[in-house]
N, C-alpha and C. Protein backbone atom coordinates (compact mmCIF):
# COMPACT_ATOMS: atom_id res chain seq x y z
N MET A 1 -8.78 -5.80 -17.55
CA MET A 1 -7.34 -5.63 -17.66
C MET A 1 -6.70 -7.01 -17.75
N GLU A 2 -5.89 -7.23 -18.78
CA GLU A 2 -5.23 -8.51 -18.96
C GLU A 2 -3.88 -8.48 -18.27
N VAL A 3 -3.60 -9.51 -17.50
CA VAL A 3 -2.36 -9.58 -16.74
C VAL A 3 -1.56 -10.78 -17.24
N SER A 4 -0.26 -10.59 -17.48
CA SER A 4 0.56 -11.71 -17.96
C SER A 4 0.69 -12.76 -16.86
N GLY A 5 1.00 -13.99 -17.30
CA GLY A 5 1.07 -15.12 -16.37
C GLY A 5 2.12 -14.95 -15.28
N SER A 6 3.30 -14.42 -15.63
CA SER A 6 4.35 -14.27 -14.62
C SER A 6 3.99 -13.21 -13.59
N ILE A 7 3.35 -12.13 -14.04
CA ILE A 7 2.91 -11.09 -13.10
C ILE A 7 1.83 -11.65 -12.19
N GLU A 8 0.91 -12.41 -12.78
CA GLU A 8 -0.17 -13.00 -11.98
C GLU A 8 0.39 -13.96 -10.93
N MET A 9 1.37 -14.77 -11.33
CA MET A 9 1.98 -15.70 -10.37
C MET A 9 2.72 -14.95 -9.27
N GLU A 10 3.42 -13.88 -9.64
CA GLU A 10 4.14 -13.07 -8.65
C GLU A 10 3.16 -12.41 -7.68
N CYS A 11 2.04 -11.91 -8.21
CA CYS A 11 1.03 -11.29 -7.35
C CYS A 11 0.46 -12.32 -6.36
N GLU A 12 0.20 -13.52 -6.85
CA GLU A 12 -0.32 -14.57 -5.97
C GLU A 12 0.70 -14.95 -4.89
N ARG A 13 1.97 -15.04 -5.29
CA ARG A 13 3.02 -15.37 -4.32
C ARG A 13 3.12 -14.29 -3.25
N ARG A 14 3.08 -13.04 -3.67
CA ARG A 14 3.19 -11.95 -2.71
C ARG A 14 1.95 -11.83 -1.84
N LEU A 15 0.80 -12.17 -2.40
CA LEU A 15 -0.42 -12.16 -1.61
C LEU A 15 -0.33 -13.23 -0.52
N GLY A 16 0.20 -14.40 -0.87
CA GLY A 16 0.43 -15.45 0.13
C GLY A 16 1.41 -15.01 1.20
N ASN A 17 2.48 -14.34 0.78
CA ASN A 17 3.45 -13.83 1.76
C ASN A 17 2.83 -12.77 2.66
N LEU A 18 2.01 -11.90 2.08
CA LEU A 18 1.33 -10.88 2.88
C LEU A 18 0.47 -11.55 3.94
N TYR A 19 -0.26 -12.57 3.54
CA TYR A 19 -1.11 -13.28 4.50
C TYR A 19 -0.27 -13.94 5.59
N ASN A 20 0.77 -14.67 5.18
CA ASN A 20 1.60 -15.40 6.15
C ASN A 20 2.36 -14.48 7.09
N GLU A 21 2.89 -13.39 6.58
CA GLU A 21 3.76 -12.54 7.38
C GLU A 21 3.03 -11.42 8.11
N SER A 22 1.91 -10.94 7.56
CA SER A 22 1.32 -9.72 8.10
C SER A 22 -0.16 -9.80 8.42
N HIS A 23 -0.76 -10.99 8.35
CA HIS A 23 -2.19 -11.10 8.58
C HIS A 23 -2.57 -10.60 9.98
N GLY A 24 -1.84 -11.00 10.99
CA GLY A 24 -2.12 -10.55 12.36
C GLY A 24 -2.01 -9.05 12.50
N TRP A 25 -0.99 -8.48 11.87
CA TRP A 25 -0.80 -7.03 11.93
C TRP A 25 -1.94 -6.31 11.23
N LEU A 26 -2.36 -6.81 10.07
CA LEU A 26 -3.47 -6.20 9.34
C LEU A 26 -4.76 -6.25 10.15
N LEU A 27 -4.97 -7.37 10.85
CA LEU A 27 -6.15 -7.47 11.72
C LEU A 27 -6.09 -6.44 12.84
N LYS A 28 -4.90 -6.21 13.38
CA LYS A 28 -4.76 -5.21 14.44
C LYS A 28 -5.07 -3.81 13.92
N VAL A 29 -4.58 -3.50 12.73
CA VAL A 29 -4.87 -2.20 12.13
C VAL A 29 -6.37 -2.05 11.90
N ALA A 30 -6.99 -3.10 11.34
CA ALA A 30 -8.43 -3.05 11.08
C ALA A 30 -9.21 -2.95 12.39
N ASN A 31 -8.76 -3.66 13.43
CA ASN A 31 -9.41 -3.57 14.75
C ASN A 31 -9.32 -2.15 15.31
N LYS A 32 -8.17 -1.53 15.11
CA LYS A 32 -8.01 -0.17 15.60
C LYS A 32 -8.96 0.78 14.88
N VAL A 33 -9.16 0.54 13.60
CA VAL A 33 -10.03 1.40 12.80
C VAL A 33 -11.50 1.16 13.12
N THR A 34 -11.90 -0.10 13.14
CA THR A 34 -13.33 -0.42 13.27
C THR A 34 -13.78 -0.61 14.71
N ARG A 35 -12.87 -1.06 15.57
CA ARG A 35 -13.17 -1.37 16.96
C ARG A 35 -14.27 -2.44 17.07
N HIS A 36 -14.26 -3.35 16.10
CA HIS A 36 -15.23 -4.42 16.08
C HIS A 36 -14.59 -5.62 15.36
N GLN A 37 -14.51 -6.75 16.04
CA GLN A 37 -13.78 -7.92 15.55
C GLN A 37 -14.29 -8.41 14.19
N GLU A 38 -15.58 -8.64 14.06
CA GLU A 38 -16.11 -9.19 12.82
C GLU A 38 -15.95 -8.21 11.65
N THR A 39 -16.18 -6.94 11.91
CA THR A 39 -16.04 -5.93 10.87
C THR A 39 -14.59 -5.84 10.41
N SER A 40 -13.66 -5.95 11.35
CA SER A 40 -12.24 -5.87 10.98
C SER A 40 -11.83 -7.08 10.14
N GLU A 41 -12.35 -8.26 10.46
CA GLU A 41 -12.04 -9.45 9.67
C GLU A 41 -12.58 -9.30 8.25
N ASP A 42 -13.79 -8.75 8.12
CA ASP A 42 -14.38 -8.52 6.80
C ASP A 42 -13.55 -7.51 6.01
N LEU A 43 -13.07 -6.49 6.69
CA LEU A 43 -12.28 -5.45 6.04
C LEU A 43 -10.97 -6.01 5.50
N VAL A 44 -10.29 -6.84 6.29
CA VAL A 44 -9.04 -7.45 5.84
C VAL A 44 -9.31 -8.39 4.66
N GLN A 45 -10.42 -9.12 4.72
CA GLN A 45 -10.79 -10.00 3.60
C GLN A 45 -11.02 -9.18 2.32
N GLU A 46 -11.64 -8.02 2.46
CA GLU A 46 -11.84 -7.14 1.30
C GLU A 46 -10.51 -6.69 0.72
N LEU A 47 -9.53 -6.43 1.58
CA LEU A 47 -8.20 -6.05 1.12
C LEU A 47 -7.61 -7.17 0.28
N TYR A 48 -7.66 -8.41 0.79
CA TYR A 48 -7.12 -9.55 0.04
C TYR A 48 -7.83 -9.71 -1.30
N GLU A 49 -9.14 -9.57 -1.31
CA GLU A 49 -9.90 -9.70 -2.56
C GLU A 49 -9.52 -8.60 -3.54
N TYR A 50 -9.34 -7.38 -3.03
CA TYR A 50 -8.95 -6.26 -3.88
C TYR A 50 -7.58 -6.51 -4.50
N LEU A 51 -6.60 -6.92 -3.68
CA LEU A 51 -5.26 -7.17 -4.19
C LEU A 51 -5.26 -8.32 -5.20
N HIS A 52 -6.06 -9.35 -4.93
CA HIS A 52 -6.15 -10.49 -5.84
C HIS A 52 -6.74 -10.06 -7.18
N LYS A 53 -7.75 -9.22 -7.14
CA LYS A 53 -8.41 -8.76 -8.36
C LYS A 53 -7.56 -7.74 -9.11
N LYS A 54 -6.95 -6.81 -8.40
CA LYS A 54 -6.22 -5.70 -9.02
C LYS A 54 -4.92 -6.16 -9.67
N LYS A 55 -4.17 -7.03 -8.99
CA LYS A 55 -2.88 -7.53 -9.49
C LYS A 55 -1.99 -6.39 -9.99
N ASN A 56 -1.75 -5.43 -9.11
CA ASN A 56 -1.01 -4.23 -9.47
C ASN A 56 0.40 -4.31 -8.89
N ILE A 57 1.40 -4.44 -9.75
CA ILE A 57 2.78 -4.60 -9.27
C ILE A 57 3.33 -3.36 -8.60
N LYS A 58 2.71 -2.20 -8.82
CA LYS A 58 3.23 -1.01 -8.16
C LYS A 58 2.95 -1.01 -6.66
N LEU A 59 2.13 -1.95 -6.20
CA LEU A 59 1.87 -2.06 -4.77
C LEU A 59 2.90 -2.93 -4.06
N PHE A 60 3.87 -3.45 -4.80
CA PHE A 60 4.92 -4.27 -4.20
C PHE A 60 5.92 -3.38 -3.46
N TRP A 61 6.54 -3.94 -2.45
CA TRP A 61 7.65 -3.28 -1.79
C TRP A 61 8.67 -4.34 -1.44
N GLY A 62 9.91 -4.08 -1.74
CA GLY A 62 10.94 -5.06 -1.44
C GLY A 62 10.80 -6.27 -2.34
N LYS A 63 11.28 -7.41 -1.87
CA LYS A 63 11.33 -8.61 -2.70
C LYS A 63 10.19 -9.57 -2.42
N ASN A 64 9.48 -9.43 -1.30
CA ASN A 64 8.57 -10.50 -0.92
C ASN A 64 7.12 -10.13 -0.76
N SER A 65 6.79 -8.91 -0.47
CA SER A 65 5.41 -8.65 -0.04
C SER A 65 4.83 -7.40 -0.70
N TYR A 66 3.63 -7.09 -0.29
CA TYR A 66 2.97 -5.87 -0.73
C TYR A 66 3.35 -4.73 0.20
N ASN A 67 3.12 -3.51 -0.25
CA ASN A 67 3.41 -2.31 0.51
C ASN A 67 2.40 -2.21 1.67
N LEU A 68 2.87 -2.38 2.88
CA LEU A 68 1.98 -2.37 4.04
C LEU A 68 1.39 -0.99 4.31
N LEU A 69 2.08 0.06 3.92
CA LEU A 69 1.51 1.39 4.08
C LEU A 69 0.26 1.52 3.22
N TYR A 70 0.35 1.01 1.99
CA TYR A 70 -0.82 1.05 1.10
C TYR A 70 -1.96 0.22 1.72
N CYS A 71 -1.63 -0.96 2.23
CA CYS A 71 -2.66 -1.83 2.83
C CYS A 71 -3.33 -1.14 4.01
N SER A 72 -2.54 -0.49 4.84
CA SER A 72 -3.08 0.21 6.01
C SER A 72 -4.01 1.34 5.57
N LYS A 73 -3.58 2.11 4.58
CA LYS A 73 -4.43 3.20 4.08
C LYS A 73 -5.70 2.66 3.45
N PHE A 74 -5.59 1.54 2.75
CA PHE A 74 -6.77 0.91 2.14
C PHE A 74 -7.81 0.59 3.22
N LEU A 75 -7.35 -0.02 4.33
CA LEU A 75 -8.27 -0.39 5.41
C LEU A 75 -8.96 0.84 5.99
N HIS A 76 -8.19 1.90 6.23
CA HIS A 76 -8.76 3.14 6.78
C HIS A 76 -9.81 3.74 5.83
N HIS A 77 -9.41 3.89 4.57
CA HIS A 77 -10.30 4.54 3.62
C HIS A 77 -11.54 3.70 3.32
N ARG A 78 -11.37 2.40 3.21
CA ARG A 78 -12.51 1.54 2.91
C ARG A 78 -13.54 1.60 4.04
N PHE A 79 -13.06 1.58 5.29
CA PHE A 79 -14.00 1.64 6.42
C PHE A 79 -14.70 3.00 6.47
N LEU A 80 -13.94 4.08 6.27
CA LEU A 80 -14.55 5.41 6.29
C LEU A 80 -15.60 5.55 5.18
N ASN A 81 -15.28 5.04 4.00
CA ASN A 81 -16.25 5.11 2.90
C ASN A 81 -17.50 4.30 3.20
N LYS A 82 -17.32 3.14 3.83
CA LYS A 82 -18.49 2.31 4.17
C LYS A 82 -19.37 3.00 5.21
N THR A 83 -18.76 3.58 6.22
CA THR A 83 -19.57 4.22 7.27
C THR A 83 -20.29 5.44 6.72
N LYS A 84 -19.66 6.16 5.80
CA LYS A 84 -20.34 7.30 5.19
C LYS A 84 -21.52 6.84 4.34
N LYS A 85 -21.29 5.80 3.54
CA LYS A 85 -22.34 5.32 2.65
C LYS A 85 -23.52 4.75 3.42
N LEU A 86 -23.23 4.05 4.50
CA LEU A 86 -24.30 3.41 5.25
C LEU A 86 -24.85 4.29 6.36
N ASN A 87 -24.26 5.49 6.51
CA ASN A 87 -24.67 6.41 7.57
C ASN A 87 -24.69 5.71 8.92
N ARG A 88 -23.56 5.07 9.24
CA ARG A 88 -23.48 4.27 10.45
C ARG A 88 -22.76 5.02 11.57
N THR A 89 -22.94 6.31 11.67
CA THR A 89 -22.24 7.08 12.69
C THR A 89 -22.64 6.61 14.09
N THR A 90 -23.89 6.25 14.29
CA THR A 90 -24.31 5.78 15.61
C THR A 90 -23.63 4.46 15.95
N TYR A 91 -23.43 3.60 14.94
CA TYR A 91 -22.73 2.33 15.15
C TYR A 91 -21.30 2.59 15.61
N VAL A 92 -20.63 3.52 14.94
CA VAL A 92 -19.25 3.84 15.30
C VAL A 92 -19.18 4.39 16.73
N GLU A 93 -20.13 5.24 17.11
CA GLU A 93 -20.14 5.81 18.46
C GLU A 93 -20.38 4.73 19.51
N THR A 94 -21.20 3.74 19.23
CA THR A 94 -21.51 2.73 20.23
C THR A 94 -20.36 1.76 20.45
N ILE A 95 -19.49 1.59 19.45
CA ILE A 95 -18.41 0.62 19.63
C ILE A 95 -17.10 1.28 20.04
N LYS A 96 -17.09 2.57 20.30
CA LYS A 96 -15.86 3.26 20.68
C LYS A 96 -15.21 2.67 21.92
N ASP A 97 -16.01 2.24 22.88
CA ASP A 97 -15.47 1.82 24.17
C ASP A 97 -15.17 0.33 24.27
N ILE A 98 -15.30 -0.42 23.18
CA ILE A 98 -14.99 -1.85 23.22
C ILE A 98 -13.49 -2.04 23.33
N GLU A 99 -13.07 -2.87 24.26
CA GLU A 99 -11.64 -3.14 24.45
C GLU A 99 -11.16 -4.12 23.38
N MET A 100 -9.95 -3.94 22.92
CA MET A 100 -9.36 -4.83 21.93
C MET A 100 -8.55 -5.90 22.66
N ASP A 101 -8.69 -7.16 22.22
CA ASP A 101 -7.92 -8.25 22.82
C ASP A 101 -6.47 -8.23 22.33
N ILE A 102 -6.28 -7.76 21.09
CA ILE A 102 -4.96 -7.81 20.48
C ILE A 102 -4.30 -6.45 20.63
N PRO A 103 -3.11 -6.40 21.24
CA PRO A 103 -2.44 -5.10 21.37
C PRO A 103 -1.99 -4.60 20.00
N TYR A 104 -2.12 -3.32 19.79
CA TYR A 104 -1.77 -2.71 18.51
C TYR A 104 -0.28 -2.38 18.51
N ASP A 105 0.40 -2.68 17.42
CA ASP A 105 1.83 -2.47 17.29
C ASP A 105 2.10 -1.06 16.75
N LEU A 106 2.15 -0.10 17.64
CA LEU A 106 2.35 1.29 17.25
C LEU A 106 3.72 1.50 16.62
N ASP A 107 4.74 0.79 17.11
CA ASP A 107 6.08 0.94 16.56
C ASP A 107 6.12 0.60 15.07
N ARG A 108 5.42 -0.46 14.71
CA ARG A 108 5.39 -0.87 13.31
C ARG A 108 4.67 0.19 12.46
N ASP A 109 3.59 0.71 12.98
CA ASP A 109 2.84 1.75 12.27
C ASP A 109 3.70 2.99 12.09
N LEU A 110 4.43 3.36 13.13
CA LEU A 110 5.31 4.52 13.05
C LEU A 110 6.45 4.29 12.06
N ALA A 111 6.97 3.06 12.00
CA ALA A 111 8.04 2.73 11.06
C ALA A 111 7.53 2.86 9.63
N ILE A 112 6.31 2.44 9.38
CA ILE A 112 5.74 2.54 8.04
C ILE A 112 5.55 4.01 7.67
N GLN A 113 5.03 4.78 8.60
CA GLN A 113 4.84 6.21 8.33
C GLN A 113 6.17 6.90 8.09
N LYS A 114 7.19 6.52 8.86
CA LYS A 114 8.52 7.10 8.69
C LYS A 114 9.08 6.76 7.31
N ALA A 115 8.90 5.51 6.87
CA ALA A 115 9.38 5.11 5.55
C ALA A 115 8.68 5.89 4.45
N TYR A 116 7.39 6.08 4.60
CA TYR A 116 6.61 6.86 3.63
C TYR A 116 7.16 8.28 3.55
N GLU A 117 7.40 8.89 4.70
CA GLU A 117 7.92 10.25 4.74
C GLU A 117 9.33 10.32 4.15
N GLU A 118 10.15 9.29 4.41
CA GLU A 118 11.50 9.26 3.85
C GLU A 118 11.46 9.19 2.32
N VAL A 119 10.54 8.36 1.79
CA VAL A 119 10.41 8.26 0.34
C VAL A 119 9.98 9.61 -0.23
N ALA A 120 8.99 10.25 0.37
CA ALA A 120 8.52 11.54 -0.11
C ALA A 120 9.65 12.59 -0.05
N GLU A 121 10.41 12.58 1.03
CA GLU A 121 11.52 13.53 1.19
C GLU A 121 12.62 13.27 0.16
N GLU A 122 12.92 12.00 -0.07
CA GLU A 122 13.95 11.65 -1.05
C GLU A 122 13.50 12.04 -2.46
N LEU A 123 12.22 11.85 -2.77
CA LEU A 123 11.71 12.26 -4.08
C LEU A 123 11.81 13.78 -4.25
N LYS A 124 11.55 14.51 -3.17
CA LYS A 124 11.67 15.97 -3.22
C LYS A 124 13.12 16.36 -3.47
N ARG A 125 14.04 15.67 -2.80
CA ARG A 125 15.47 15.95 -2.97
C ARG A 125 15.91 15.63 -4.40
N LEU A 126 15.41 14.54 -4.95
CA LEU A 126 15.79 14.15 -6.31
C LEU A 126 15.26 15.11 -7.37
N SER A 127 14.23 15.87 -7.04
CA SER A 127 13.64 16.77 -8.03
C SER A 127 14.57 17.91 -8.43
N VAL A 128 15.68 18.10 -7.72
CA VAL A 128 16.65 19.14 -8.09
C VAL A 128 17.96 18.53 -8.57
N THR A 129 17.96 17.24 -8.88
CA THR A 129 19.15 16.57 -9.39
C THR A 129 18.91 16.17 -10.85
N LYS A 130 19.88 15.48 -11.43
CA LYS A 130 19.71 15.03 -12.82
C LYS A 130 18.68 13.90 -12.93
N MET A 131 18.24 13.37 -11.79
CA MET A 131 17.22 12.31 -11.79
C MET A 131 15.81 12.89 -11.64
N TRP A 132 15.64 14.19 -11.82
CA TRP A 132 14.34 14.83 -11.55
C TRP A 132 13.22 14.27 -12.41
N ALA A 133 13.49 14.00 -13.69
CA ALA A 133 12.42 13.50 -14.58
C ALA A 133 11.94 12.13 -14.12
N SER A 134 12.87 11.25 -13.83
CA SER A 134 12.50 9.91 -13.34
C SER A 134 11.78 10.00 -12.01
N ALA A 135 12.24 10.91 -11.14
CA ALA A 135 11.60 11.07 -9.82
C ALA A 135 10.17 11.56 -9.98
N LYS A 136 9.93 12.47 -10.90
CA LYS A 136 8.56 12.98 -11.12
C LYS A 136 7.66 11.88 -11.68
N ILE A 137 8.18 11.06 -12.59
CA ILE A 137 7.39 9.95 -13.14
C ILE A 137 7.06 8.97 -12.03
N PHE A 138 8.06 8.63 -11.21
CA PHE A 138 7.82 7.71 -10.09
C PHE A 138 6.78 8.28 -9.14
N GLU A 139 6.89 9.55 -8.85
CA GLU A 139 5.94 10.20 -7.93
C GLU A 139 4.52 10.16 -8.49
N LEU A 140 4.36 10.43 -9.77
CA LEU A 140 3.03 10.34 -10.40
C LEU A 140 2.46 8.94 -10.28
N TYR A 141 3.30 7.95 -10.49
CA TYR A 141 2.88 6.55 -10.44
C TYR A 141 2.59 6.11 -9.01
N TRP A 142 3.48 6.46 -8.09
CA TRP A 142 3.41 6.00 -6.70
C TRP A 142 2.26 6.64 -5.93
N MET A 143 1.97 7.90 -6.22
CA MET A 143 0.96 8.64 -5.46
C MET A 143 -0.45 8.48 -6.01
N SER A 144 -0.61 7.72 -7.08
CA SER A 144 -1.94 7.59 -7.68
C SER A 144 -2.33 6.13 -7.77
N GLU A 145 -3.54 5.90 -8.20
CA GLU A 145 -4.04 4.55 -8.44
C GLU A 145 -3.83 4.16 -9.89
N ASP A 146 -3.14 4.99 -10.68
CA ASP A 146 -2.97 4.76 -12.10
C ASP A 146 -1.98 3.63 -12.39
N THR A 147 -2.22 2.93 -13.49
CA THR A 147 -1.29 1.91 -13.95
C THR A 147 -0.17 2.59 -14.74
N LEU A 148 0.84 1.82 -15.12
CA LEU A 148 1.92 2.38 -15.94
C LEU A 148 1.38 2.94 -17.25
N ASP A 149 0.44 2.23 -17.87
CA ASP A 149 -0.17 2.71 -19.11
C ASP A 149 -0.84 4.07 -18.91
N GLU A 150 -1.61 4.18 -17.86
CA GLU A 150 -2.34 5.42 -17.59
C GLU A 150 -1.39 6.59 -17.33
N VAL A 151 -0.32 6.33 -16.57
CA VAL A 151 0.66 7.39 -16.29
C VAL A 151 1.37 7.80 -17.58
N SER A 152 1.77 6.81 -18.38
CA SER A 152 2.48 7.13 -19.63
C SER A 152 1.57 7.91 -20.59
N ASN A 153 0.30 7.55 -20.63
CA ASN A 153 -0.65 8.29 -21.49
C ASN A 153 -0.87 9.72 -20.99
N LYS A 154 -0.92 9.90 -19.67
CA LYS A 154 -1.13 11.25 -19.11
C LYS A 154 0.01 12.19 -19.45
N ILE A 155 1.24 11.67 -19.40
CA ILE A 155 2.38 12.56 -19.63
C ILE A 155 2.93 12.45 -21.05
N GLY A 156 2.37 11.55 -21.86
CA GLY A 156 2.73 11.48 -23.26
C GLY A 156 4.06 10.84 -23.58
N ILE A 157 4.45 9.82 -22.81
CA ILE A 157 5.67 9.08 -23.12
C ILE A 157 5.32 7.60 -23.22
N SER A 158 6.26 6.80 -23.68
CA SER A 158 5.98 5.37 -23.87
C SER A 158 5.91 4.65 -22.52
N LYS A 159 5.23 3.52 -22.54
CA LYS A 159 5.11 2.71 -21.33
C LYS A 159 6.48 2.20 -20.89
N SER A 160 7.33 1.83 -21.84
CA SER A 160 8.65 1.31 -21.48
C SER A 160 9.50 2.38 -20.82
N THR A 161 9.42 3.62 -21.28
CA THR A 161 10.16 4.72 -20.65
C THR A 161 9.65 4.94 -19.23
N THR A 162 8.34 4.88 -19.07
CA THR A 162 7.75 5.03 -17.74
C THR A 162 8.21 3.91 -16.83
N PHE A 163 8.17 2.67 -17.33
CA PHE A 163 8.60 1.50 -16.54
C PHE A 163 10.06 1.63 -16.12
N LEU A 164 10.92 2.03 -17.06
CA LEU A 164 12.35 2.16 -16.73
C LEU A 164 12.59 3.25 -15.69
N ALA A 165 11.86 4.36 -15.79
CA ALA A 165 12.01 5.43 -14.81
C ALA A 165 11.57 4.97 -13.43
N VAL A 166 10.43 4.28 -13.36
CA VAL A 166 9.92 3.78 -12.08
C VAL A 166 10.89 2.76 -11.49
N LYS A 167 11.38 1.85 -12.33
CA LYS A 167 12.33 0.82 -11.87
C LYS A 167 13.62 1.46 -11.35
N LYS A 168 14.11 2.46 -12.07
CA LYS A 168 15.36 3.14 -11.67
C LYS A 168 15.20 3.81 -10.31
N ILE A 169 14.10 4.53 -10.11
CA ILE A 169 13.90 5.24 -8.85
C ILE A 169 13.63 4.25 -7.72
N ARG A 170 12.84 3.21 -7.98
CA ARG A 170 12.58 2.21 -6.94
C ARG A 170 13.89 1.56 -6.49
N LYS A 171 14.75 1.20 -7.44
CA LYS A 171 16.04 0.58 -7.09
C LYS A 171 16.88 1.56 -6.27
N TYR A 172 16.89 2.82 -6.68
CA TYR A 172 17.63 3.85 -5.93
C TYR A 172 17.08 3.98 -4.51
N LEU A 173 15.76 4.07 -4.38
CA LEU A 173 15.14 4.23 -3.06
C LEU A 173 15.43 3.04 -2.16
N GLU A 174 15.38 1.83 -2.73
CA GLU A 174 15.67 0.65 -1.92
C GLU A 174 17.12 0.63 -1.45
N SER A 175 18.02 1.30 -2.20
CA SER A 175 19.43 1.33 -1.79
C SER A 175 19.71 2.38 -0.71
N VAL A 176 18.87 3.43 -0.62
CA VAL A 176 19.14 4.49 0.35
C VAL A 176 18.21 4.52 1.55
N ILE A 177 17.09 3.79 1.48
CA ILE A 177 16.12 3.80 2.57
C ILE A 177 15.94 2.38 3.08
N GLU A 178 16.05 2.23 4.39
CA GLU A 178 15.85 0.92 4.99
C GLU A 178 14.37 0.55 4.88
N ASN A 179 14.11 -0.68 4.48
CA ASN A 179 12.73 -1.13 4.26
C ASN A 179 12.16 -1.66 5.58
N PRO A 180 11.21 -0.96 6.18
CA PRO A 180 10.65 -1.40 7.45
C PRO A 180 9.61 -2.51 7.32
N PHE A 181 9.31 -2.94 6.08
CA PHE A 181 8.26 -3.91 5.87
C PHE A 181 8.76 -5.34 5.96
N ASN A 182 10.07 -5.52 6.02
CA ASN A 182 10.60 -6.87 6.16
C ASN A 182 10.49 -7.33 7.60
N GLU A 183 10.12 -8.58 7.79
CA GLU A 183 10.02 -9.17 9.13
C GLU A 183 11.35 -9.82 9.47
N ASN A 184 12.23 -9.10 10.14
CA ASN A 184 13.52 -9.67 10.52
C ASN A 184 13.67 -9.69 12.01
């Protein structure tokens, strides 16, 4: 996949912001999932490598960083897939009782989940308004791993129409839903 220079630079900038602003939080999430310090560090590193390689602008949220809900889900799913593939159920059982040094920020996790639910609810509400077509396009794009090209090909419209619909709904959502991913 070829990525334009400005998108690549923006992805790198946001990846740096994600590291600077949320690295500790991501480690806490990974620690909660794996209950093992080294494994959680490896998992977070895999996330950074994935974001660096993928360079997918649909994973952005707000003006500065990546979508932390997506990052959190990535960590959960990647670890579950690894344990299934390696048949490491005994490993998971043996590390259940290890105490974590870093307290987990449940409030932040709940805020992310709440934001996700608000977006889903707002998209459902928009499906009965004149913005229903744009909301459906945004939902197809947001809920999948597909790129704009792939979404536009699936529904048979141009990439620019898909981009404009996604941009319109994202701008609308940012105006009506408070973004919990900003560190203020």
